[in-house]
Amino acid sequence: DRDPDAVSVLKKRLGGKNNVTIVHNTFSNIKSILNELNITGIDG
């Protein structure tokens, strides 16, 4: 999410889940986001 308020809430609500990564960015930057996370492909 690009909204910093949303990111703060996401960290509180989902930050403890091992399979969730929270990213403060715009969704059009999906390629660079995945590159930073060393993920080569997504399923959804």
PDB file of all heavy atoms in Angstrom:
ATOM      1  N   ASP A   1       0.850  -1.196   0.000  1.00  0.00           N
ATOM      2  CA  ASP A   1       0.000   0.000   0.000  1.00  0.00           C
ATOM      3  C   ASP A   1       0.881   1.240   0.000  1.00  0.00           C
ATOM      4  O   ASP A   1       1.968   1.233   0.587  1.00  0.00           O
ATOM      5  CB  ASP A   1      -0.937   0.032   1.204  1.00  0.00           C
ATOM      6  CG  ASP A   1      -2.239   0.775   0.890  1.00  0.00           C
ATOM      7  OD1 ASP A   1      -2.191   2.018   0.737  1.00  0.00           O
ATOM      8  OD2 ASP A   1      -3.294   0.134   0.758  1.00  0.00           O
ATOM      9  N   ARG A   2       0.411   2.282  -0.681  1.00  0.00           N
ATOM     10  CA  ARG A   2       1.192   3.525  -0.712  1.00  0.00           C
ATOM     11  C   ARG A   2       0.784   4.495   0.386  1.00  0.00           C
ATOM     12  O   ARG A   2       1.454   5.504   0.604  1.00  0.00           O
ATOM     13  CB  ARG A   2       1.072   4.196  -2.075  1.00  0.00           C
ATOM     14  CG  ARG A   2      -0.321   4.627  -2.502  1.00  0.00           C
ATOM     15  CD  ARG A   2      -0.187   5.550  -3.705  1.00  0.00           C
ATOM     16  NE  ARG A   2      -1.291   5.410  -4.635  1.00  0.00           N
ATOM     17  CZ  ARG A   2      -1.406   6.137  -5.749  1.00  0.00           C
ATOM     18  NH1 ARG A   2      -0.491   7.032  -6.043  1.00  0.00           N
ATOM     19  NH2 ARG A   2      -2.425   5.965  -6.569  1.00  0.00           N
ATOM     20  N   ASP A   3      -0.313   4.199   1.076  1.00  0.00           N
ATOM     21  CA  ASP A   3      -0.800   5.063   2.144  1.00  0.00           C
ATOM     22  C   ASP A   3      -0.067   4.720   3.438  1.00  0.00           C
ATOM     23  O   ASP A   3      -0.199   3.600   3.943  1.00  0.00           O
ATOM     24  CB  ASP A   3      -2.307   4.856   2.312  1.00  0.00           C
ATOM     25  CG  ASP A   3      -2.937   5.845   3.289  1.00  0.00           C
ATOM     26  OD1 ASP A   3      -2.233   6.312   4.212  1.00  0.00           O
ATOM     27  OD2 ASP A   3      -4.138   6.151   3.124  1.00  0.00           O
ATOM     28  N   PRO A   4       0.713   5.636   3.996  1.00  0.00           N
ATOM     29  CA  PRO A   4       1.458   5.324   5.227  1.00  0.00           C
ATOM     30  C   PRO A   4       0.560   4.964   6.399  1.00  0.00           C
ATOM     31  O   PRO A   4       0.950   4.175   7.265  1.00  0.00           O
ATOM     32  CB  PRO A   4       2.263   6.605   5.501  1.00  0.00           C
ATOM     33  CG  PRO A   4       1.578   7.680   4.716  1.00  0.00           C
ATOM     34  CD  PRO A   4       0.985   7.016   3.520  1.00  0.00           C
ATOM     35  N   ASP A   5      -0.658   5.522   6.438  1.00  0.00           N
ATOM     36  CA  ASP A   5      -1.594   5.154   7.507  1.00  0.00           C
ATOM     37  C   ASP A   5      -1.980   3.685   7.379  1.00  0.00           C
ATOM     38  O   ASP A   5      -2.069   2.956   8.383  1.00  0.00           O
ATOM     39  CB  ASP A   5      -2.858   6.020   7.435  1.00  0.00           C
ATOM     40  CG  ASP A   5      -2.604   7.471   7.826  1.00  0.00           C
ATOM     41  OD1 ASP A   5      -1.525   7.748   8.389  1.00  0.00           O
ATOM     42  OD2 ASP A   5      -3.472   8.330   7.566  1.00  0.00           O
ATOM     43  N   ALA A   6      -2.221   3.242   6.147  1.00  0.00           N
ATOM     44  CA  ALA A   6      -2.567   1.844   5.916  1.00  0.00           C
ATOM     45  C   ALA A   6      -1.414   0.928   6.303  1.00  0.00           C
ATOM     46  O   ALA A   6      -1.627  -0.128   6.920  1.00  0.00           O
ATOM     47  CB  ALA A   6      -2.937   1.633   4.450  1.00  0.00           C
ATOM     48  N   VAL A   7      -0.206   1.310   5.950  1.00  0.00           N
ATOM     49  CA  VAL A   7       0.967   0.483   6.267  1.00  0.00           C
ATOM     50  C   VAL A   7       1.130   0.320   7.775  1.00  0.00           C
ATOM     51  O   VAL A   7       1.433  -0.778   8.269  1.00  0.00           O
ATOM     52  CB  VAL A   7       2.235   1.084   5.634  1.00  0.00           C
ATOM     53  CG1 VAL A   7       3.484   0.364   6.124  1.00  0.00           C
ATOM     54  CG2 VAL A   7       2.150   1.010   4.105  1.00  0.00           C
ATOM     55  N   SER A   8       0.890   1.393   8.521  1.00  0.00           N
ATOM     56  CA  SER A   8       0.974   1.315   9.989  1.00  0.00           C
ATOM     57  C   SER A   8      -0.033   0.325  10.543  1.00  0.00           C
ATOM     58  O   SER A   8       0.270  -0.473  11.439  1.00  0.00           O
ATOM     59  CB  SER A   8       0.733   2.698  10.608  1.00  0.00           C
ATOM     60  OG  SER A   8       1.739   3.603  10.233  1.00  0.00           O
ATOM     61  N   VAL A   9      -1.253   0.359   9.997  1.00  0.00           N
ATOM     62  CA  VAL A   9      -2.298  -0.558  10.443  1.00  0.00           C
ATOM     63  C   VAL A   9      -1.953  -1.995  10.043  1.00  0.00           C
ATOM     64  O   VAL A   9      -2.143  -2.939  10.822  1.00  0.00           O
ATOM     65  CB  VAL A   9      -3.670  -0.145   9.852  1.00  0.00           C
ATOM     66  CG1 VAL A   9      -4.721  -1.216  10.115  1.00  0.00           C
ATOM     67  CG2 VAL A   9      -4.114   1.182  10.445  1.00  0.00           C
ATOM     68  N   LEU A  10      -1.452  -2.185   8.823  1.00  0.00           N
ATOM     69  CA  LEU A  10      -1.070  -3.514   8.359  1.00  0.00           C
ATOM     70  C   LEU A  10      -0.016  -4.141   9.273  1.00  0.00           C
ATOM     71  O   LEU A  10      -0.076  -5.343   9.574  1.00  0.00           O
ATOM     72  CB  LEU A  10      -0.541  -3.447   6.930  1.00  0.00           C
ATOM     73  CG  LEU A  10      -1.556  -3.189   5.827  1.00  0.00           C
ATOM     74  CD1 LEU A  10      -0.857  -2.828   4.520  1.00  0.00           C
ATOM     75  CD2 LEU A  10      -2.449  -4.417   5.627  1.00  0.00           C
ATOM     76  N   LYS A  11       0.928  -3.343   9.713  1.00  0.00           N
ATOM     77  CA  LYS A  11       1.982  -3.864  10.590  1.00  0.00           C
ATOM     78  C   LYS A  11       1.409  -4.333  11.914  1.00  0.00           C
ATOM     79  O   LYS A  11       1.848  -5.338  12.481  1.00  0.00           O
ATOM     80  CB  LYS A  11       3.056  -2.797  10.805  1.00  0.00           C
ATOM     81  CG  LYS A  11       3.914  -2.542   9.568  1.00  0.00           C
ATOM     82  CD  LYS A  11       4.936  -1.446   9.807  1.00  0.00           C
ATOM     83  CE  LYS A  11       5.798  -1.248   8.561  1.00  0.00           C
ATOM     84  NZ  LYS A  11       6.772  -0.129   8.743  1.00  0.00           N
ATOM     85  N   LYS A  12       0.391  -3.614  12.413  1.00  0.00           N
ATOM     86  CA  LYS A  12      -0.238  -4.005  13.677  1.00  0.00           C
ATOM     87  C   LYS A  12      -1.089  -5.263  13.505  1.00  0.00           C
ATOM     88  O   LYS A  12      -1.097  -6.144  14.364  1.00  0.00           O
ATOM     89  CB  LYS A  12      -1.105  -2.858  14.204  1.00  0.00           C
ATOM     90  CG  LYS A  12      -0.321  -1.633  14.652  1.00  0.00           C
ATOM     91  CD  LYS A  12      -1.266  -0.511  15.077  1.00  0.00           C
ATOM     92  CE  LYS A  12      -0.479   0.738  15.455  1.00  0.00           C
ATOM     93  NZ  LYS A  12      -1.376   1.882  15.777  1.00  0.00           N
ATOM     94  N   ARG A  13      -1.812  -5.328  12.395  1.00  0.00           N
ATOM     95  CA  ARG A  13      -2.760  -6.423  12.202  1.00  0.00           C
ATOM     96  C   ARG A  13      -2.129  -7.692  11.637  1.00  0.00           C
ATOM     97  O   ARG A  13      -2.526  -8.799  11.969  1.00  0.00           O
ATOM     98  CB  ARG A  13      -3.887  -5.967  11.277  1.00  0.00           C
ATOM     99  CG  ARG A  13      -4.768  -4.888  11.888  1.00  0.00           C
ATOM    100  CD  ARG A  13      -5.876  -4.469  10.931  1.00  0.00           C
ATOM    101  NE  ARG A  13      -6.743  -3.458  11.552  1.00  0.00           N
ATOM    102  CZ  ARG A  13      -7.739  -2.830  10.923  1.00  0.00           C
ATOM    103  NH1 ARG A  13      -8.010  -3.134   9.651  1.00  0.00           N
ATOM    104  NH2 ARG A  13      -8.471  -1.928  11.554  1.00  0.00           N
ATOM    105  N   LEU A  14      -1.156  -7.530  10.757  1.00  0.00           N
ATOM    106  CA  LEU A  14      -0.602  -8.689  10.050  1.00  0.00           C
ATOM    107  C   LEU A  14       0.890  -8.882  10.261  1.00  0.00           C
ATOM    108  O   LEU A  14       1.463  -9.852   9.757  1.00  0.00           O
ATOM    109  CB  LEU A  14      -0.882  -8.562   8.544  1.00  0.00           C
ATOM    110  CG  LEU A  14      -2.349  -8.391   8.120  1.00  0.00           C
ATOM    111  CD1 LEU A  14      -2.438  -8.239   6.606  1.00  0.00           C
ATOM    112  CD2 LEU A  14      -3.189  -9.574   8.584  1.00  0.00           C
ATOM    113  N   GLY A  15       1.517  -7.972  10.995  1.00  0.00           N
ATOM    114  CA  GLY A  15       2.965  -8.036  11.164  1.00  0.00           C
ATOM    115  C   GLY A  15       3.464  -9.300  11.832  1.00  0.00           C
ATOM    116  O   GLY A  15       4.616  -9.695  11.648  1.00  0.00           O
ATOM    117  N   GLY A  16       2.610  -9.972  12.589  1.00  0.00           N
ATOM    118  CA  GLY A  16       3.028 -11.180  13.292  1.00  0.00           C
ATOM    119  C   GLY A  16       2.889 -12.446  12.478  1.00  0.00           C
ATOM    120  O   GLY A  16       3.273 -13.529  12.939  1.00  0.00           O
ATOM    121  N   LYS A  17       2.366 -12.355  11.268  1.00  0.00           N
ATOM    122  CA  LYS A  17       2.178 -13.535  10.423  1.00  0.00           C
ATOM    123  C   LYS A  17       3.456 -13.810   9.622  1.00  0.00           C
ATOM    124  O   LYS A  17       3.924 -12.949   8.882  1.00  0.00           O
ATOM    125  CB  LYS A  17       0.984 -13.341   9.479  1.00  0.00           C
ATOM    126  CG  LYS A  17      -0.357 -13.257  10.198  1.00  0.00           C
ATOM    127  CD  LYS A  17      -1.490 -13.130   9.204  1.00  0.00           C
ATOM    128  CE  LYS A  17      -2.839 -13.070   9.909  1.00  0.00           C
ATOM    129  NZ  LYS A  17      -3.175 -14.341  10.593  1.00  0.00           N
ATOM    130  N   ASN A  18       3.978 -15.006   9.743  1.00  0.00           N
ATOM    131  CA  ASN A  18       5.241 -15.353   9.096  1.00  0.00           C
ATOM    132  C   ASN A  18       5.161 -15.344   7.573  1.00  0.00           C
ATOM    133  O   ASN A  18       6.180 -15.160   6.894  1.00  0.00           O
ATOM    134  CB  ASN A  18       5.721 -16.729   9.567  1.00  0.00           C
ATOM    135  CG  ASN A  18       6.102 -16.740  11.040  1.00  0.00           C
ATOM    136  OD1 ASN A  18       6.540 -15.707  11.571  1.00  0.00           O
ATOM    137  ND2 ASN A  18       5.940 -17.869  11.695  1.00  0.00           N
ATOM    138  N   ASN A  19       3.969 -15.569   7.031  1.00  0.00           N
ATOM    139  CA  ASN A  19       3.847 -15.650   5.575  1.00  0.00           C
ATOM    140  C   ASN A  19       3.334 -14.350   4.942  1.00  0.00           C
ATOM    141  O   ASN A  19       2.911 -14.354   3.789  1.00  0.00           O
ATOM    142  CB  ASN A  19       2.941 -16.822   5.176  1.00  0.00           C
ATOM    143  CG  ASN A  19       1.502 -16.635   5.636  1.00  0.00           C
ATOM    144  OD1 ASN A  19       1.240 -15.914   6.606  1.00  0.00           O
ATOM    145  ND2 ASN A  19       0.578 -17.292   4.949  1.00  0.00           N
ATOM    146  N   VAL A  20       3.376 -13.246   5.707  1.00  0.00           N
ATOM    147  CA  VAL A  20       2.960 -11.945   5.178  1.00  0.00           C
ATOM    148  C   VAL A  20       4.134 -10.972   5.205  1.00  0.00           C
ATOM    149  O   VAL A  20       4.787 -10.806   6.235  1.00  0.00           O
ATOM    150  CB  VAL A  20       1.784 -11.350   5.982  1.00  0.00           C
ATOM    151  CG1 VAL A  20       1.439  -9.944   5.466  1.00  0.00           C
ATOM    152  CG2 VAL A  20       0.559 -12.244   5.898  1.00  0.00           C
ATOM    153  N   THR A  21       4.401 -10.343   4.057  1.00  0.00           N
ATOM    154  CA  THR A  21       5.409  -9.283   3.962  1.00  0.00           C
ATOM    155  C   THR A  21       4.693  -7.985   3.623  1.00  0.00           C
ATOM    156  O   THR A  21       3.944  -7.924   2.646  1.00  0.00           O
ATOM    157  CB  THR A  21       6.454  -9.598   2.877  1.00  0.00           C
ATOM    158  OG1 THR A  21       7.142 -10.804   3.219  1.00  0.00           O
ATOM    159  CG2 THR A  21       7.466  -8.459   2.754  1.00  0.00           C
ATOM    160  N   ILE A  22       4.908  -6.950   4.419  1.00  0.00           N
ATOM    161  CA  ILE A  22       4.236  -5.660   4.230  1.00  0.00           C
ATOM    162  C   ILE A  22       5.194  -4.700   3.553  1.00  0.00           C
ATOM    163  O   ILE A  22       6.350  -4.535   3.977  1.00  0.00           O
ATOM    164  CB  ILE A  22       3.772  -5.098   5.589  1.00  0.00           C
ATOM    165  CG1 ILE A  22       2.758  -6.060   6.222  1.00  0.00           C
ATOM    166  CG2 ILE A  22       3.154  -3.708   5.433  1.00  0.00           C
ATOM    167  CD1 ILE A  22       2.551  -5.861   7.706  1.00  0.00           C
ATOM    168  N   VAL A  23       4.717  -4.053   2.481  1.00  0.00           N
ATOM    169  CA  VAL A  23       5.570  -3.171   1.679  1.00  0.00           C
ATOM    170  C   VAL A  23       4.893  -1.811   1.495  1.00  0.00           C
ATOM    171  O   VAL A  23       3.741  -1.745   1.053  1.00  0.00           O
ATOM    172  CB  VAL A  23       5.863  -3.785   0.291  1.00  0.00           C
ATOM    173  CG1 VAL A  23       6.739  -2.840  -0.532  1.00  0.00           C
ATOM    174  CG2 VAL A  23       6.535  -5.146   0.438  1.00  0.00           C
ATOM    175  N   HIS A  24       5.621  -0.753   1.830  1.00  0.00           N
ATOM    176  CA  HIS A  24       5.125   0.606   1.591  1.00  0.00           C
ATOM    177  C   HIS A  24       5.611   1.053   0.216  1.00  0.00           C
ATOM    178  O   HIS A  24       6.758   1.452   0.034  1.00  0.00           O
ATOM    179  CB  HIS A  24       5.652   1.557   2.673  1.00  0.00           C
ATOM    180  CG  HIS A  24       5.123   2.957   2.548  1.00  0.00           C
ATOM    181  ND1 HIS A  24       5.734   4.048   3.134  1.00  0.00           N
ATOM    182  CD2 HIS A  24       4.045   3.444   1.889  1.00  0.00           C
ATOM    183  CE1 HIS A  24       5.048   5.147   2.853  1.00  0.00           C
ATOM    184  NE2 HIS A  24       4.024   4.806   2.089  1.00  0.00           N
ATOM    185  N   ASN A  25       4.712   0.958  -0.765  1.00  0.00           N
ATOM    186  CA  ASN A  25       5.087   1.278  -2.139  1.00  0.00           C
ATOM    187  C   ASN A  25       3.809   1.372  -2.969  1.00  0.00           C
ATOM    188  O   ASN A  25       2.715   1.115  -2.475  1.00  0.00           O
ATOM    189  CB  ASN A  25       6.006   0.189  -2.705  1.00  0.00           C
ATOM    190  CG  ASN A  25       6.951   0.693  -3.775  1.00  0.00           C
ATOM    191  OD1 ASN A  25       6.586   1.553  -4.588  1.00  0.00           O
ATOM    192  ND2 ASN A  25       8.164   0.169  -3.802  1.00  0.00           N
ATOM    193  N   THR A  26       3.944   1.735  -4.232  1.00  0.00           N
ATOM    194  CA  THR A  26       2.798   1.756  -5.141  1.00  0.00           C
ATOM    195  C   THR A  26       2.758   0.448  -5.917  1.00  0.00           C
ATOM    196  O   THR A  26       3.793  -0.114  -6.279  1.00  0.00           O
ATOM    197  CB  THR A  26       2.888   2.934  -6.123  1.00  0.00           C
ATOM    198  OG1 THR A  26       4.124   2.864  -6.829  1.00  0.00           O
ATOM    199  CG2 THR A  26       2.815   4.264  -5.383  1.00  0.00           C
ATOM    200  N   PHE A  27       1.541  -0.022  -6.203  1.00  0.00           N
ATOM    201  CA  PHE A  27       1.401  -1.351  -6.805  1.00  0.00           C
ATOM    202  C   PHE A  27       1.955  -1.445  -8.219  1.00  0.00           C
ATOM    203  O   PHE A  27       2.247  -2.529  -8.698  1.00  0.00           O
ATOM    204  CB  PHE A  27      -0.051  -1.833  -6.760  1.00  0.00           C
ATOM    205  CG  PHE A  27      -1.083  -0.898  -7.345  1.00  0.00           C
ATOM    206  CD1 PHE A  27      -1.165  -0.663  -8.702  1.00  0.00           C
ATOM    207  CD2 PHE A  27      -2.007  -0.275  -6.507  1.00  0.00           C
ATOM    208  CE1 PHE A  27      -2.136   0.176  -9.234  1.00  0.00           C
ATOM    209  CE2 PHE A  27      -2.985   0.561  -7.023  1.00  0.00           C
ATOM    210  CZ  PHE A  27      -3.052   0.790  -8.397  1.00  0.00           C
ATOM    211  N   SER A  28       2.136  -0.314  -8.903  1.00  0.00           N
ATOM    212  CA  SER A  28       2.721  -0.372 -10.243  1.00  0.00           C
ATOM    213  C   SER A  28       4.197  -0.760 -10.200  1.00  0.00           C
ATOM    214  O   SER A  28       4.763  -1.183 -11.208  1.00  0.00           O
ATOM    215  CB  SER A  28       2.559   0.973 -10.963  1.00  0.00           C
ATOM    216  OG  SER A  28       3.259   1.992 -10.277  1.00  0.00           O
ATOM    217  N   ASN A  29       4.816  -0.627  -9.028  1.00  0.00           N
ATOM    218  CA  ASN A  29       6.235  -0.983  -8.874  1.00  0.00           C
ATOM    219  C   ASN A  29       6.423  -2.451  -8.515  1.00  0.00           C
ATOM    220  O   ASN A  29       7.415  -2.820  -7.882  1.00  0.00           O
ATOM    221  CB  ASN A  29       6.878  -0.108  -7.789  1.00  0.00           C
ATOM    222  CG  ASN A  29       7.003   1.339  -8.205  1.00  0.00           C
ATOM    223  OD1 ASN A  29       7.122   1.653  -9.391  1.00  0.00           O
ATOM    224  ND2 ASN A  29       6.958   2.248  -7.240  1.00  0.00           N
ATOM    225  N   ILE A  30       5.496  -3.306  -8.930  1.00  0.00           N
ATOM    226  CA  ILE A  30       5.514  -4.710  -8.557  1.00  0.00           C
ATOM    227  C   ILE A  30       6.828  -5.404  -8.950  1.00  0.00           C
ATOM    228  O   ILE A  30       7.352  -6.235  -8.200  1.00  0.00           O
ATOM    229  CB  ILE A  30       4.300  -5.456  -9.173  1.00  0.00           C
ATOM    230  CG1 ILE A  30       4.313  -6.931  -8.816  1.00  0.00           C
ATOM    231  CG2 ILE A  30       4.209  -5.256 -10.675  1.00  0.00           C
ATOM    232  CD1 ILE A  30       4.224  -7.196  -7.327  1.00  0.00           C
ATOM    233  N   LYS A  31       7.402  -5.031 -10.078  1.00  0.00           N
ATOM    234  CA  LYS A  31       8.641  -5.696 -10.512  1.00  0.00           C
ATOM    235  C   LYS A  31       9.793  -5.410  -9.548  1.00  0.00           C
ATOM    236  O   LYS A  31      10.528  -6.327  -9.155  1.00  0.00           O
ATOM    237  CB  LYS A  31       9.010  -5.257 -11.932  1.00  0.00           C
ATOM    238  CG  LYS A  31       8.137  -5.863 -13.012  1.00  0.00           C
ATOM    239  CD  LYS A  31       8.654  -5.522 -14.397  1.00  0.00           C
ATOM    240  CE  LYS A  31       7.853  -6.222 -15.474  1.00  0.00           C
ATOM    241  NZ  LYS A  31       8.352  -5.923 -16.834  1.00  0.00           N
ATOM    242  N   SER A  32       9.957  -4.150  -9.165  1.00  0.00           N
ATOM    243  CA  SER A  32      11.050  -3.810  -8.252  1.00  0.00           C
ATOM    244  C   SER A  32      10.784  -4.357  -6.852  1.00  0.00           C
ATOM    245  O   SER A  32      11.721  -4.752  -6.141  1.00  0.00           O
ATOM    246  CB  SER A  32      11.265  -2.292  -8.203  1.00  0.00           C
ATOM    247  OG  SER A  32      10.110  -1.615  -7.756  1.00  0.00           O
ATOM    248  N   ILE A  33       9.521  -4.397  -6.448  1.00  0.00           N
ATOM    249  CA  ILE A  33       9.172  -4.962  -5.143  1.00  0.00           C
ATOM    250  C   ILE A  33       9.576  -6.431  -5.080  1.00  0.00           C
ATOM    251  O   ILE A  33      10.220  -6.877  -4.128  1.00  0.00           O
ATOM    252  CB  ILE A  33       7.654  -4.813  -4.879  1.00  0.00           C
ATOM    253  CG1 ILE A  33       7.285  -3.344  -4.681  1.00  0.00           C
ATOM    254  CG2 ILE A  33       7.232  -5.637  -3.656  1.00  0.00           C
ATOM    255  CD1 ILE A  33       5.787  -3.074  -4.662  1.00  0.00           C
ATOM    256  N   LEU A  34       9.216  -7.175  -6.109  1.00  0.00           N
ATOM    257  CA  LEU A  34       9.550  -8.604  -6.138  1.00  0.00           C
ATOM    258  C   LEU A  34      11.050  -8.827  -6.243  1.00  0.00           C
ATOM    259  O   LEU A  34      11.604  -9.759  -5.643  1.00  0.00           O
ATOM    260  CB  LEU A  34       8.836  -9.290  -7.297  1.00  0.00           C
ATOM    261  CG  LEU A  34       7.306  -9.335  -7.209  1.00  0.00           C
ATOM    262  CD1 LEU A  34       6.725  -9.984  -8.456  1.00  0.00           C
ATOM    263  CD2 LEU A  34       6.848 -10.073  -5.959  1.00  0.00           C
ATOM    264  N   ASN A  35      11.710  -7.967  -7.004  1.00  0.00           N
ATOM    265  CA  ASN A  35      13.159  -8.086  -7.154  1.00  0.00           C
ATOM    266  C   ASN A  35      13.863  -7.918  -5.809  1.00  0.00           C
ATOM    267  O   ASN A  35      14.793  -8.671  -5.478  1.00  0.00           O
ATOM    268  CB  ASN A  35      13.660  -7.035  -8.149  1.00  0.00           C
ATOM    269  CG  ASN A  35      15.137  -7.192  -8.450  1.00  0.00           C
ATOM    270  OD1 ASN A  35      15.591  -8.241  -8.868  1.00  0.00           O
ATOM    271  ND2 ASN A  35      15.894  -6.119  -8.221  1.00  0.00           N
ATOM    272  N   GLU A  36      13.399  -6.951  -5.011  1.00  0.00           N
ATOM    273  CA  GLU A  36      13.999  -6.728  -3.689  1.00  0.00           C
ATOM    274  C   GLU A  36      13.741  -7.901  -2.748  1.00  0.00           C
ATOM    275  O   GLU A  36      14.534  -8.159  -1.834  1.00  0.00           O
ATOM    276  CB  GLU A  36      13.441  -5.430  -3.086  1.00  0.00           C
ATOM    277  CG  GLU A  36      13.945  -4.172  -3.788  1.00  0.00           C
ATOM    278  CD  GLU A  36      13.353  -2.908  -3.199  1.00  0.00           C
ATOM    279  OE1 GLU A  36      12.695  -2.986  -2.144  1.00  0.00           O
ATOM    280  OE2 GLU A  36      13.537  -1.838  -3.806  1.00  0.00           O
ATOM    281  N   LEU A  37      12.639  -8.602  -2.991  1.00  0.00           N
ATOM    282  CA  LEU A  37      12.300  -9.746  -2.146  1.00  0.00           C
ATOM    283  C   LEU A  37      12.847 -11.069  -2.707  1.00  0.00           C
ATOM    284  O   LEU A  37      12.601 -12.132  -2.136  1.00  0.00           O
ATOM    285  CB  LEU A  37      10.775  -9.857  -2.002  1.00  0.00           C
ATOM    286  CG  LEU A  37      10.078  -8.693  -1.285  1.00  0.00           C
ATOM    287  CD1 LEU A  37       8.558  -8.857  -1.358  1.00  0.00           C
ATOM    288  CD2 LEU A  37      10.529  -8.604   0.173  1.00  0.00           C
ATOM    289  N   ASN A  38      13.588 -10.974  -3.821  1.00  0.00           N
ATOM    290  CA  ASN A  38      14.163 -12.157  -4.487  1.00  0.00           C
ATOM    291  C   ASN A  38      13.089 -13.168  -4.881  1.00  0.00           C
ATOM    292  O   ASN A  38      13.263 -14.387  -4.750  1.00  0.00           O
ATOM    293  CB  ASN A  38      15.209 -12.826  -3.573  1.00  0.00           C
ATOM    294  CG  ASN A  38      16.433 -11.960  -3.365  1.00  0.00           C
ATOM    295  OD1 ASN A  38      16.954 -11.373  -4.313  1.00  0.00           O
ATOM    296  ND2 ASN A  38      16.878 -11.858  -2.119  1.00  0.00           N
ATOM    297  N   ILE A  39      11.965 -12.653  -5.367  1.00  0.00           N
ATOM    298  CA  ILE A  39      10.870 -13.492  -5.842  1.00  0.00           C
ATOM    299  C   ILE A  39      10.802 -13.363  -7.363  1.00  0.00           C
ATOM    300  O   ILE A  39      10.706 -12.252  -7.891  1.00  0.00           O
ATOM    301  CB  ILE A  39       9.536 -13.075  -5.201  1.00  0.00           C
ATOM    302  CG1 ILE A  39       9.577 -13.342  -3.686  1.00  0.00           C
ATOM    303  CG2 ILE A  39       8.361 -13.816  -5.837  1.00  0.00           C
ATOM    304  CD1 ILE A  39       8.376 -12.817  -2.939  1.00  0.00           C
ATOM    305  N   THR A  40      10.850 -14.472  -8.069  1.00  0.00           N
ATOM    306  CA  THR A  40      10.912 -14.445  -9.535  1.00  0.00           C
ATOM    307  C   THR A  40       9.552 -14.522 -10.211  1.00  0.00           C
ATOM    308  O   THR A  40       9.420 -14.200 -11.400  1.00  0.00           O
ATOM    309  CB  THR A  40      11.782 -15.601 -10.054  1.00  0.00           C
ATOM    310  OG1 THR A  40      11.254 -16.838  -9.555  1.00  0.00           O
ATOM    311  CG2 THR A  40      13.228 -15.429  -9.576  1.00  0.00           C
ATOM    312  N   GLY A  41       8.534 -14.963  -9.488  1.00  0.00           N
ATOM    313  CA  GLY A  41       7.207 -15.060 -10.091  1.00  0.00           C
ATOM    314  C   GLY A  41       6.131 -15.158  -9.031  1.00  0.00           C
ATOM    315  O   GLY A  41       6.384 -15.609  -7.909  1.00  0.00           O
ATOM    316  N   ILE A  42       4.909 -14.721  -9.387  1.00  0.00           N
ATOM    317  CA  ILE A  42       3.785 -14.766  -8.448  1.00  0.00           C
ATOM    318  C   ILE A  42       2.624 -15.548  -9.069  1.00  0.00           C
ATOM    319  O   ILE A  42       2.553 -15.727 -10.285  1.00  0.00           O
ATOM    320  CB  ILE A  42       3.319 -13.352  -8.057  1.00  0.00           C
ATOM    321  CG1 ILE A  42       2.890 -12.539  -9.299  1.00  0.00           C
ATOM    322  CG2 ILE A  42       4.415 -12.633  -7.277  1.00  0.00           C
ATOM    323  CD1 ILE A  42       2.286 -11.192  -8.987  1.00  0.00           C
ATOM    324  N   ASP A  43       1.709 -15.982  -8.204  1.00  0.00           N
ATOM    325  CA  ASP A  43       0.563 -16.772  -8.653  1.00  0.00           C
ATOM    326  C   ASP A  43      -0.747 -15.998  -8.616  1.00  0.00           C
ATOM    327  O   ASP A  43      -1.765 -16.474  -9.124  1.00  0.00           O
ATOM    328  CB  ASP A  43       0.423 -18.021  -7.778  1.00  0.00           C
ATOM    329  CG  ASP A  43       1.706 -18.829  -7.742  1.00  0.00           C
ATOM    330  OD1 ASP A  43       2.126 -19.296  -8.819  1.00  0.00           O
ATOM    331  OD2 ASP A  43       2.303 -18.966  -6.657  1.00  0.00           O
ATOM    332  N   GLY A  44      -0.717 -14.823  -8.018  1.00  0.00           N
ATOM    333  CA  GLY A  44      -1.934 -14.016  -7.954  1.00  0.00           C
ATOM    334  C   GLY A  44      -1.614 -12.557  -7.688  1.00  0.00           C
ATOM    335  O   GLY A  44      -0.637 -12.240  -7.002  1.00  0.00           O
TER     336      GLY A  44
END
